[in-house]
């Protein structure tokens, strides 16, 4: 795999997988997903893992598969904004939709 400070992806990849945490406040999930919508990234699959461990880990963890043009300025800006604003954000990787 490649490690880089720049966003690099295989040319044949058309799905990006992210993981991030959202808190339990009203509208936090909608606000986060609106960043992706404004960047014209489409949600292909989303899974929410609700926190069950009490005050130690009060937030929900979201895994999301996105499709779209990841090389646009809007997409890269949305990813940068999520990285800055969310206390937990990871880009897990890229893959081809036909591989599943």
PDB file of N, CA and C in Angstrom:
ATOM      1  N   UNK A   1       0.825  -1.171   0.000  1.00  0.00           N
ATOM      2  CA  UNK A   1       0.000   0.000   0.000  1.00  0.00           C
ATOM      3  C   UNK A   1       0.872   1.237   0.000  1.00  0.00           C
ATOM      4  N   UNK A   2       0.294   2.343  -0.406  1.00  0.00           N
ATOM      5  CA  UNK A   2       1.013   3.620  -0.450  1.00  0.00           C
ATOM      6  C   UNK A   2       0.730   4.413   0.812  1.00  0.00           C
ATOM      7  N   UNK A   3       1.745   5.091   1.318  1.00  0.00           N
ATOM      8  CA  UNK A   3       1.546   6.031   2.412  1.00  0.00           C
ATOM      9  C   UNK A   3       1.998   7.377   1.902  1.00  0.00           C
ATOM     10  N   UNK A   4       1.114   8.358   2.022  1.00  0.00           N
ATOM     11  CA  UNK A   4       1.408   9.670   1.489  1.00  0.00           C
ATOM     12  C   UNK A   4       0.610  10.716   2.237  1.00  0.00           C
ATOM     13  N   UNK A   5       1.138  11.922   2.336  1.00  0.00           N
ATOM     14  CA  UNK A   5       0.368  13.030   2.902  1.00  0.00           C
ATOM     15  C   UNK A   5      -0.651  13.548   1.907  1.00  0.00           C
ATOM     16  N   UNK A   6      -0.494  13.188   0.641  1.00  0.00           N
ATOM     17  CA  UNK A   6      -1.436  13.591  -0.402  1.00  0.00           C
ATOM     18  C   UNK A   6      -2.432  12.462  -0.636  1.00  0.00           C
ATOM     19  N   UNK A   7      -3.649  12.830  -1.049  1.00  0.00           N
ATOM     20  CA  UNK A   7      -4.669  11.829  -1.350  1.00  0.00           C
ATOM     21  C   UNK A   7      -4.300  11.143  -2.656  1.00  0.00           C
ATOM     22  N   UNK A   8      -3.968   9.849  -2.572  1.00  0.00           N
ATOM     23  CA  UNK A   8      -3.663   9.065  -3.758  1.00  0.00           C
ATOM     24  C   UNK A   8      -4.623   7.896  -3.815  1.00  0.00           C
ATOM     25  N   UNK A   9      -5.026   7.543  -5.020  1.00  0.00           N
ATOM     26  CA  UNK A   9      -5.951   6.437  -5.182  1.00  0.00           C
ATOM     27  C   UNK A   9      -5.660   5.704  -6.472  1.00  0.00           C
ATOM     28  N   UNK A  10      -5.946   4.415  -6.523  1.00  0.00           N
ATOM     29  CA  UNK A  10      -5.765   3.667  -7.764  1.00  0.00           C
ATOM     30  C   UNK A  10      -6.701   4.213  -8.846  1.00  0.00           C
ATOM     31  N   UNK A  11      -6.251   4.158 -10.084  1.00  0.00           N
ATOM     32  CA  UNK A  11      -7.049   4.704 -11.185  1.00  0.00           C
ATOM     33  C   UNK A  11      -8.359   3.963 -11.389  1.00  0.00           C
ATOM     34  N   UNK A  12      -8.398   2.667 -11.074  1.00  0.00           N
ATOM     35  CA  UNK A  12      -9.612   1.883 -11.300  1.00  0.00           C
ATOM     36  C   UNK A  12     -10.564   1.889 -10.103  1.00  0.00           C
ATOM     37  N   UNK A  13     -10.216   2.587  -9.017  1.00  0.00           N
ATOM     38  CA  UNK A  13     -11.072   2.626  -7.823  1.00  0.00           C
ATOM     39  C   UNK A  13     -12.229   3.597  -8.032  1.00  0.00           C
ATOM     40  N   UNK A  14     -13.420   3.179  -7.613  1.00  0.00           N
ATOM     41  CA  UNK A  14     -14.571   4.074  -7.728  1.00  0.00           C
ATOM     42  C   UNK A  14     -15.357   4.207  -6.420  1.00  0.00           C
ATOM     43  N   UNK A  15     -14.868   3.589  -5.345  1.00  0.00           N
ATOM     44  CA  UNK A  15     -15.511   3.674  -4.034  1.00  0.00           C
ATOM     45  C   UNK A  15     -14.457   4.071  -2.997  1.00  0.00           C
ATOM     46  N   UNK A  16     -14.827   4.991  -2.118  1.00  0.00           N
ATOM     47  CA  UNK A  16     -13.978   5.418  -1.008  1.00  0.00           C
ATOM     48  C   UNK A  16     -14.691   5.033   0.294  1.00  0.00           C
ATOM     49  N   UNK A  17     -13.957   4.474   1.246  1.00  0.00           N
ATOM     50  CA  UNK A  17     -14.538   4.104   2.531  1.00  0.00           C
ATOM     51  C   UNK A  17     -13.965   4.994   3.624  1.00  0.00           C
ATOM     52  N   UNK A  18     -14.872   5.595   4.405  1.00  0.00           N
ATOM     53  CA  UNK A  18     -14.504   6.473   5.509  1.00  0.00           C
ATOM     54  C   UNK A  18     -15.057   5.919   6.809  1.00  0.00           C
ATOM     55  N   UNK A  19     -14.418   6.279   7.903  1.00  0.00           N
ATOM     56  CA  UNK A  19     -14.946   6.012   9.241  1.00  0.00           C
ATOM     57  C   UNK A  19     -14.813   7.308  10.026  1.00  0.00           C
ATOM     58  N   UNK A  20     -15.868   7.671  10.749  1.00  0.00           N
ATOM     59  CA  UNK A  20     -15.812   8.878  11.566  1.00  0.00           C
ATOM     60  C   UNK A  20     -16.801   8.753  12.713  1.00  0.00           C
ATOM     61  N   UNK A  21     -16.596   9.576  13.725  1.00  0.00           N
ATOM     62  CA  UNK A  21     -17.464   9.559  14.900  1.00  0.00           C
ATOM     63  C   UNK A  21     -18.362  10.793  14.885  1.00  0.00           C
ATOM     64  N   UNK A  22     -19.607  10.604  15.267  1.00  0.00           N
ATOM     65  CA  UNK A  22     -20.533  11.723  15.455  1.00  0.00           C
ATOM     66  C   UNK A  22     -21.107  11.610  16.859  1.00  0.00           C
ATOM     67  N   UNK A  23     -21.368  12.764  17.469  1.00  0.00           N
ATOM     68  CA  UNK A  23     -21.892  12.735  18.828  1.00  0.00           C
ATOM     69  C   UNK A  23     -23.407  12.642  18.811  1.00  0.00           C
ATOM     70  N   UNK A  24     -23.990  12.604  19.971  1.00  0.00           N
ATOM     71  CA  UNK A  24     -25.424  12.391  20.111  1.00  0.00           C
ATOM     72  C   UNK A  24     -26.234  13.683  20.070  1.00  0.00           C
ATOM     73  N   UNK A  25     -25.644  14.794  19.681  1.00  0.00           N
ATOM     74  CA  UNK A  25     -26.402  16.038  19.637  1.00  0.00           C
ATOM     75  C   UNK A  25     -27.260  16.098  18.394  1.00  0.00           C
ATOM     76  N   UNK A  26     -28.359  16.803  18.503  1.00  0.00           N
ATOM     77  CA  UNK A  26     -29.324  16.930  17.411  1.00  0.00           C
ATOM     78  C   UNK A  26     -28.661  17.551  16.182  1.00  0.00           C
ATOM     79  N   UNK A  27     -28.778  16.901  15.045  1.00  0.00           N
ATOM     80  CA  UNK A  27     -28.290  17.428  13.780  1.00  0.00           C
ATOM     81  C   UNK A  27     -26.839  17.168  13.461  1.00  0.00           C
ATOM     82  N   UNK A  28     -26.108  16.497  14.344  1.00  0.00           N
ATOM     83  CA  UNK A  28     -24.684  16.288  14.082  1.00  0.00           C
ATOM     84  C   UNK A  28     -24.448  15.385  12.873  1.00  0.00           C
ATOM     85  N   UNK A  29     -25.267  14.344  12.702  1.00  0.00           N
ATOM     86  CA  UNK A  29     -25.124  13.454  11.548  1.00  0.00           C
ATOM     87  C   UNK A  29     -25.509  14.180  10.255  1.00  0.00           C
ATOM     88  N   UNK A  30     -26.584  14.934  10.296  1.00  0.00           N
ATOM     89  CA  UNK A  30     -27.034  15.671   9.104  1.00  0.00           C
ATOM     90  C   UNK A  30     -25.993  16.687   8.673  1.00  0.00           C
ATOM     91  N   UNK A  31     -25.412  17.389   9.624  1.00  0.00           N
ATOM     92  CA  UNK A  31     -24.390  18.379   9.304  1.00  0.00           C
ATOM     93  C   UNK A  31     -23.177  17.723   8.641  1.00  0.00           C
ATOM     94  N   UNK A  32     -22.767  16.587   9.157  1.00  0.00           N
ATOM     95  CA  UNK A  32     -21.618  15.878   8.594  1.00  0.00           C
ATOM     96  C   UNK A  32     -21.917  15.363   7.189  1.00  0.00           C
ATOM     97  N   UNK A  33     -23.087  14.757   6.997  1.00  0.00           N
ATOM     98  CA  UNK A  33     -23.439  14.224   5.680  1.00  0.00           C
ATOM     99  C   UNK A  33     -23.672  15.328   4.656  1.00  0.00           C
ATOM    100  N   UNK A  34     -24.077  16.514   5.101  1.00  0.00           N
ATOM    101  CA  UNK A  34     -24.283  17.613   4.154  1.00  0.00           C
ATOM    102  C   UNK A  34     -22.972  18.048   3.511  1.00  0.00           C
ATOM    103  N   UNK A  35     -21.855  17.904   4.221  1.00  0.00           N
ATOM    104  CA  UNK A  35     -20.549  18.216   3.633  1.00  0.00           C
ATOM    105  C   UNK A  35     -20.283  17.307   2.436  1.00  0.00           C
ATOM    106  N   UNK A  36     -20.643  16.032   2.575  1.00  0.00           N
ATOM    107  CA  UNK A  36     -20.432  15.085   1.477  1.00  0.00           C
ATOM    108  C   UNK A  36     -21.384  15.364   0.326  1.00  0.00           C
ATOM    109  N   UNK A  37     -22.601  15.749   0.636  1.00  0.00           N
ATOM    110  CA  UNK A  37     -23.588  16.066  -0.387  1.00  0.00           C
ATOM    111  C   UNK A  37     -23.164  17.281  -1.203  1.00  0.00           C
ATOM    112  N   UNK A  38     -22.692  18.297  -0.520  1.00  0.00           N
ATOM    113  CA  UNK A  38     -22.231  19.504  -1.216  1.00  0.00           C
ATOM    114  C   UNK A  38     -21.049  19.213  -2.123  1.00  0.00           C
ATOM    115  N   UNK A  39     -20.269  18.198  -1.797  1.00  0.00           N
ATOM    116  CA  UNK A  39     -19.120  17.811  -2.613  1.00  0.00           C
ATOM    117  C   UNK A  39     -19.518  16.856  -3.734  1.00  0.00           C
ATOM    118  N   UNK A  40     -20.824  16.585  -3.865  1.00  0.00           N
ATOM    119  CA  UNK A  40     -21.359  15.692  -4.901  1.00  0.00           C
ATOM    120  C   UNK A  40     -20.806  14.275  -4.790  1.00  0.00           C
ATOM    121  N   UNK A  41     -20.667  13.806  -3.540  1.00  0.00           N
ATOM    122  CA  UNK A  41     -20.274  12.430  -3.287  1.00  0.00           C
ATOM    123  C   UNK A  41     -21.515  11.648  -2.893  1.00  0.00           C
ATOM    124  N   UNK A  42     -21.689  10.479  -3.478  1.00  0.00           N
ATOM    125  CA  UNK A  42     -22.887   9.666  -3.280  1.00  0.00           C
ATOM    126  C   UNK A  42     -22.644   8.588  -2.237  1.00  0.00           C
ATOM    127  N   UNK A  43     -23.606   8.400  -1.348  1.00  0.00           N
ATOM    128  CA  UNK A  43     -23.519   7.358  -0.343  1.00  0.00           C
ATOM    129  C   UNK A  43     -23.970   6.037  -0.971  1.00  0.00           C
ATOM    130  N   UNK A  44     -23.075   5.068  -1.018  1.00  0.00           N
ATOM    131  CA  UNK A  44     -23.401   3.746  -1.549  1.00  0.00           C
ATOM    132  C   UNK A  44     -23.838   2.797  -0.444  1.00  0.00           C
ATOM    133  N   UNK A  45     -23.198   2.920   0.714  1.00  0.00           N
ATOM    134  CA  UNK A  45     -23.522   2.061   1.855  1.00  0.00           C
ATOM    135  C   UNK A  45     -23.097   2.797   3.121  1.00  0.00           C
ATOM    136  N   UNK A  46     -23.911   2.677   4.165  1.00  0.00           N
ATOM    137  CA  UNK A  46     -23.571   3.324   5.426  1.00  0.00           C
ATOM    138  C   UNK A  46     -23.952   2.395   6.575  1.00  0.00           C
ATOM    139  N   UNK A  47     -23.085   2.321   7.554  1.00  0.00           N
ATOM    140  CA  UNK A  47     -23.338   1.484   8.730  1.00  0.00           C
ATOM    141  C   UNK A  47     -23.026   2.310   9.968  1.00  0.00           C
ATOM    142  N   UNK A  48     -23.939   2.301  10.914  1.00  0.00           N
ATOM    143  CA  UNK A  48     -23.784   3.040  12.167  1.00  0.00           C
ATOM    144  C   UNK A  48     -23.561   2.048  13.296  1.00  0.00           C
ATOM    145  N   UNK A  49     -22.504   2.263  14.048  1.00  0.00           N
ATOM    146  CA  UNK A  49     -22.260   1.441  15.221  1.00  0.00           C
ATOM    147  C   UNK A  49     -22.514   2.312  16.444  1.00  0.00           C
ATOM    148  N   UNK A  50     -23.621   2.050  17.089  1.00  0.00           N
ATOM    149  CA  UNK A  50     -24.012   2.849  18.256  1.00  0.00           C
ATOM    150  C   UNK A  50     -23.136   2.511  19.452  1.00  0.00           C
ATOM    151  N   UNK A  51     -22.826   3.532  20.212  1.00  0.00           N
ATOM    152  CA  UNK A  51     -22.037   3.353  21.418  1.00  0.00           C
ATOM    153  C   UNK A  51     -22.877   2.667  22.488  1.00  0.00           C
ATOM    154  N   UNK A  52     -22.296   1.670  23.119  1.00  0.00           N
ATOM    155  CA  UNK A  52     -22.995   0.972  24.199  1.00  0.00           C
ATOM    156  C   UNK A  52     -22.190   0.977  25.493  1.00  0.00           C
ATOM    157  N   UNK A  53     -21.058   1.652  25.482  1.00  0.00           N
ATOM    158  CA  UNK A  53     -20.177   1.580  26.642  1.00  0.00           C
ATOM    159  C   UNK A  53     -20.313   2.763  27.594  1.00  0.00           C
ATOM    160  N   UNK A  54     -21.365   3.547  27.460  1.00  0.00           N
ATOM    161  CA  UNK A  54     -21.616   4.621  28.410  1.00  0.00           C
ATOM    162  C   UNK A  54     -20.784   5.860  28.166  1.00  0.00           C
ATOM    163  N   UNK A  55     -20.474   6.562  29.235  1.00  0.00           N
ATOM    164  CA  UNK A  55     -19.800   7.859  29.135  1.00  0.00           C
ATOM    165  C   UNK A  55     -18.361   7.746  28.645  1.00  0.00           C
ATOM    166  N   UNK A  56     -17.785   6.578  28.726  1.00  0.00           N
ATOM    167  CA  UNK A  56     -16.407   6.394  28.284  1.00  0.00           C
ATOM    168  C   UNK A  56     -16.259   6.658  26.784  1.00  0.00           C
ATOM    169  N   UNK A  57     -17.218   6.203  25.988  1.00  0.00           N
ATOM    170  CA  UNK A  57     -17.232   6.422  24.539  1.00  0.00           C
ATOM    171  C   UNK A  57     -18.639   6.871  24.156  1.00  0.00           C
ATOM    172  N   UNK A  58     -18.946   8.161  24.271  1.00  0.00           N
ATOM    173  CA  UNK A  58     -20.334   8.606  24.116  1.00  0.00           C
ATOM    174  C   UNK A  58     -20.813   8.740  22.673  1.00  0.00           C
ATOM    175  N   UNK A  59     -19.957   8.526  21.690  1.00  0.00           N
ATOM    176  CA  UNK A  59     -20.322   8.837  20.314  1.00  0.00           C
ATOM    177  C   UNK A  59     -20.557   7.598  19.471  1.00  0.00           C
ATOM    178  N   UNK A  60     -21.225   7.818  18.340  1.00  0.00           N
ATOM    179  CA  UNK A  60     -21.493   6.766  17.377  1.00  0.00           C
ATOM    180  C   UNK A  60     -20.394   6.740  16.327  1.00  0.00           C
ATOM    181  N   UNK A  61     -20.045   5.563  15.880  1.00  0.00           N
ATOM    182  CA  UNK A  61     -19.046   5.405  14.831  1.00  0.00           C
ATOM    183  C   UNK A  61     -19.764   5.073  13.536  1.00  0.00           C
ATOM    184  N   UNK A  62     -19.444   5.813  12.471  1.00  0.00           N
ATOM    185  CA  UNK A  62     -20.095   5.655  11.176  1.00  0.00           C
ATOM    186  C   UNK A  62     -19.067   5.152  10.172  1.00  0.00           C
ATOM    187  N   UNK A  63     -19.436   4.094   9.451  1.00  0.00           N
ATOM    188  CA  UNK A  63     -18.649   3.596   8.321  1.00  0.00           C
ATOM    189  C   UNK A  63     -19.452   3.902   7.077  1.00  0.00           C
ATOM    190  N   UNK A  64     -18.822   4.515   6.075  1.00  0.00           N
ATOM    191  CA  UNK A  64     -19.569   4.954   4.908  1.00  0.00           C
ATOM    192  C   UNK A  64     -18.753   4.704   3.636  1.00  0.00           C
ATOM    193  N   UNK A  65     -19.420   4.161   2.616  1.00  0.00           N
ATOM    194  CA  UNK A  65     -18.818   3.977   1.292  1.00  0.00           C
ATOM    195  C   UNK A  65     -19.375   5.054   0.381  1.00  0.00           C
ATOM    196  N   UNK A  66     -18.487   5.751  -0.309  1.00  0.00           N
ATOM    197  CA  UNK A  66     -18.882   6.859  -1.175  1.00  0.00           C
ATOM    198  C   UNK A  66     -18.426   6.608  -2.601  1.00  0.00           C
ATOM    199  N   UNK A  67     -19.207   7.113  -3.549  1.00  0.00           N
ATOM    200  CA  UNK A  67     -18.788   7.117  -4.944  1.00  0.00           C
ATOM    201  C   UNK A  67     -18.855   8.550  -5.440  1.00  0.00           C
ATOM    202  N   UNK A  68     -18.152   8.821  -6.507  1.00  0.00           N
ATOM    203  CA  UNK A  68     -18.129  10.162  -7.083  1.00  0.00           C
ATOM    204  C   UNK A  68     -16.732  10.490  -7.563  1.00  0.00           C
ATOM    205  N   UNK A  69     -16.542  11.735  -7.938  1.00  0.00           N
ATOM    206  CA  UNK A  69     -15.229  12.186  -8.395  1.00  0.00           C
ATOM    207  C   UNK A  69     -14.450  12.690  -7.184  1.00  0.00           C
ATOM    208  N   UNK A  70     -13.499  11.899  -6.705  1.00  0.00           N
ATOM    209  CA  UNK A  70     -12.754  12.228  -5.500  1.00  0.00           C
ATOM    210  C   UNK A  70     -11.655  13.259  -5.752  1.00  0.00           C
ATOM    211  N   UNK A  71     -11.392  13.563  -7.015  1.00  0.00           N
ATOM    212  CA  UNK A  71     -10.316  14.493  -7.352  1.00  0.00           C
ATOM    213  C   UNK A  71     -10.777  15.936  -7.507  1.00  0.00           C
ATOM    214  N   UNK A  72     -12.058  16.204  -7.277  1.00  0.00           N
ATOM    215  CA  UNK A  72     -12.526  17.584  -7.395  1.00  0.00           C
ATOM    216  C   UNK A  72     -12.105  18.386  -6.172  1.00  0.00           C
ATOM    217  N   UNK A  73     -12.050  19.685  -6.337  1.00  0.00           N
ATOM    218  CA  UNK A  73     -11.717  20.565  -5.230  1.00  0.00           C
ATOM    219  C   UNK A  73     -12.762  20.455  -4.125  1.00  0.00           C
ATOM    220  N   UNK A  74     -14.035  20.315  -4.491  1.00  0.00           N
ATOM    221  CA  UNK A  74     -15.098  20.214  -3.489  1.00  0.00           C
ATOM    222  C   UNK A  74     -14.956  18.951  -2.643  1.00  0.00           C
ATOM    223  N   UNK A  75     -14.640  17.820  -3.285  1.00  0.00           N
ATOM    224  CA  UNK A  75     -14.483  16.557  -2.559  1.00  0.00           C
ATOM    225  C   UNK A  75     -13.297  16.627  -1.612  1.00  0.00           C
ATOM    226  N   UNK A  76     -12.192  17.134  -2.085  1.00  0.00           N
ATOM    227  CA  UNK A  76     -11.003  17.231  -1.233  1.00  0.00           C
ATOM    228  C   UNK A  76     -11.211  18.222  -0.092  1.00  0.00           C
ATOM    229  N   UNK A  77     -11.939  19.300  -0.363  1.00  0.00           N
ATOM    230  CA  UNK A  77     -12.247  20.276   0.688  1.00  0.00           C
ATOM    231  C   UNK A  77     -13.144  19.656   1.755  1.00  0.00           C
ATOM    232  N   UNK A  78     -14.142  18.858   1.334  1.00  0.00           N
ATOM    233  CA  UNK A  78     -15.027  18.201   2.295  1.00  0.00           C
ATOM    234  C   UNK A  78     -14.248  17.229   3.172  1.00  0.00           C
ATOM    235  N   UNK A  79     -13.343  16.464   2.592  1.00  0.00           N
ATOM    236  CA  UNK A  79     -12.537  15.526   3.378  1.00  0.00           C
ATOM    237  C   UNK A  79     -11.633  16.265   4.359  1.00  0.00           C
ATOM    238  N   UNK A  80     -11.048  17.358   3.905  1.00  0.00           N
ATOM    239  CA  UNK A  80     -10.189  18.157   4.778  1.00  0.00           C
ATOM    240  C   UNK A  80     -11.008  18.753   5.925  1.00  0.00           C
ATOM    241  N   UNK A  81     -12.190  19.252   5.612  1.00  0.00           N
ATOM    242  CA  UNK A  81     -13.058  19.837   6.629  1.00  0.00           C
ATOM    243  C   UNK A  81     -13.477  18.782   7.661  1.00  0.00           C
ATOM    244  N   UNK A  82     -13.820  17.593   7.185  1.00  0.00           N
ATOM    245  CA  UNK A  82     -14.189  16.518   8.106  1.00  0.00           C
ATOM    246  C   UNK A  82     -13.002  16.145   8.996  1.00  0.00           C
ATOM    247  N   UNK A  83     -11.824  16.076   8.407  1.00  0.00           N
ATOM    248  CA  UNK A  83     -10.632  15.742   9.176  1.00  0.00           C
ATOM    249  C   UNK A  83     -10.374  16.779  10.267  1.00  0.00           C
ATOM    250  N   UNK A  84     -10.618  18.040   9.972  1.00  0.00           N
ATOM    251  CA  UNK A  84     -10.373  19.119  10.923  1.00  0.00           C
ATOM    252  C   UNK A  84     -11.451  19.227  12.003  1.00  0.00           C
ATOM    253  N   UNK A  85     -12.715  19.006  11.626  1.00  0.00           N
ATOM    254  CA  UNK A  85     -13.825  19.259  12.541  1.00  0.00           C
ATOM    255  C   UNK A  85     -14.235  18.055  13.387  1.00  0.00           C
ATOM    256  N   UNK A  86     -14.024  16.864  12.888  1.00  0.00           N
ATOM    257  CA  UNK A  86     -14.408  15.665  13.632  1.00  0.00           C
ATOM    258  C   UNK A  86     -13.209  15.179  14.438  1.00  0.00           C
ATOM    259  N   UNK A  87     -13.430  14.847  15.697  1.00  0.00           N
ATOM    260  CA  UNK A  87     -12.282  14.426  16.502  1.00  0.00           C
ATOM    261  C   UNK A  87     -11.789  13.044  16.096  1.00  0.00           C
ATOM    262  N   UNK A  88     -12.633  12.224  15.443  1.00  0.00           N
ATOM    263  CA  UNK A  88     -12.184  10.948  14.893  1.00  0.00           C
ATOM    264  C   UNK A  88     -12.622  10.877  13.443  1.00  0.00           C
ATOM    265  N   UNK A  89     -11.665  10.778  12.524  1.00  0.00           N
ATOM    266  CA  UNK A  89     -11.931  10.672  11.088  1.00  0.00           C
ATOM    267  C   UNK A  89     -10.809   9.864  10.461  1.00  0.00           C
ATOM    268  N   UNK A  90     -11.179   8.829   9.705  1.00  0.00           N
ATOM    269  CA  UNK A  90     -10.175   8.021   8.997  1.00  0.00           C
ATOM    270  C   UNK A  90     -10.668   7.716   7.592  1.00  0.00           C
ATOM    271  N   UNK A  91      -9.805   7.900   6.615  1.00  0.00           N
ATOM    272  CA  UNK A  91     -10.056   7.422   5.261  1.00  0.00           C
ATOM    273  C   UNK A  91      -9.477   6.015   5.241  1.00  0.00           C
ATOM    274  N   UNK A  92     -10.351   5.017   5.126  1.00  0.00           N
ATOM    275  CA  UNK A  92      -9.912   3.628   5.240  1.00  0.00           C
ATOM    276  C   UNK A  92      -9.339   3.077   3.950  1.00  0.00           C
ATOM    277  N   UNK A  93      -9.784   3.619   2.801  1.00  0.00           N
ATOM    278  CA  UNK A  93      -9.210   3.135   1.560  1.00  0.00           C
ATOM    279  C   UNK A  93     -10.139   3.278   0.378  1.00  0.00           C
ATOM    280  N   UNK A  94      -9.631   2.817  -0.754  1.00  0.00           N
ATOM    281  CA  UNK A  94     -10.350   2.856  -2.033  1.00  0.00           C
ATOM    282  C   UNK A  94     -10.461   1.439  -2.570  1.00  0.00           C
ATOM    283  N   UNK A  95     -11.529   1.180  -3.324  1.00  0.00           N
ATOM    284  CA  UNK A  95     -11.704  -0.101  -3.956  1.00  0.00           C
ATOM    285  C   UNK A  95     -12.658   0.023  -5.143  1.00  0.00           C
ATOM    286  N   UNK A  96     -12.736  -1.036  -5.919  1.00  0.00           N
ATOM    287  CA  UNK A  96     -13.658  -1.069  -7.069  1.00  0.00           C
ATOM    288  C   UNK A  96     -14.971  -1.682  -6.651  1.00  0.00           C
ATOM    289  N   UNK A  97     -16.067  -1.123  -7.109  1.00  0.00           N
ATOM    290  CA  UNK A  97     -17.390  -1.637  -6.729  1.00  0.00           C
ATOM    291  C   UNK A  97     -17.613  -3.052  -7.250  1.00  0.00           C
ATOM    292  N   UNK A  98     -16.982  -3.432  -8.337  1.00  0.00           N
ATOM    293  CA  UNK A  98     -17.122  -4.770  -8.884  1.00  0.00           C
ATOM    294  C   UNK A  98     -16.414  -5.845  -8.073  1.00  0.00           C
ATOM    295  N   UNK A  99     -15.563  -5.435  -7.118  1.00  0.00           N
ATOM    296  CA  UNK A  99     -14.806  -6.396  -6.315  1.00  0.00           C
ATOM    297  C   UNK A  99     -15.651  -7.024  -5.209  1.00  0.00           C
ATOM    298  N   UNK A 100     -16.788  -6.475  -4.903  1.00  0.00           N
ATOM    299  CA  UNK A 100     -17.606  -7.012  -3.805  1.00  0.00           C
ATOM    300  C   UNK A 100     -18.513  -8.096  -4.308  1.00  0.00           C
TER     301      UNK A 100
END
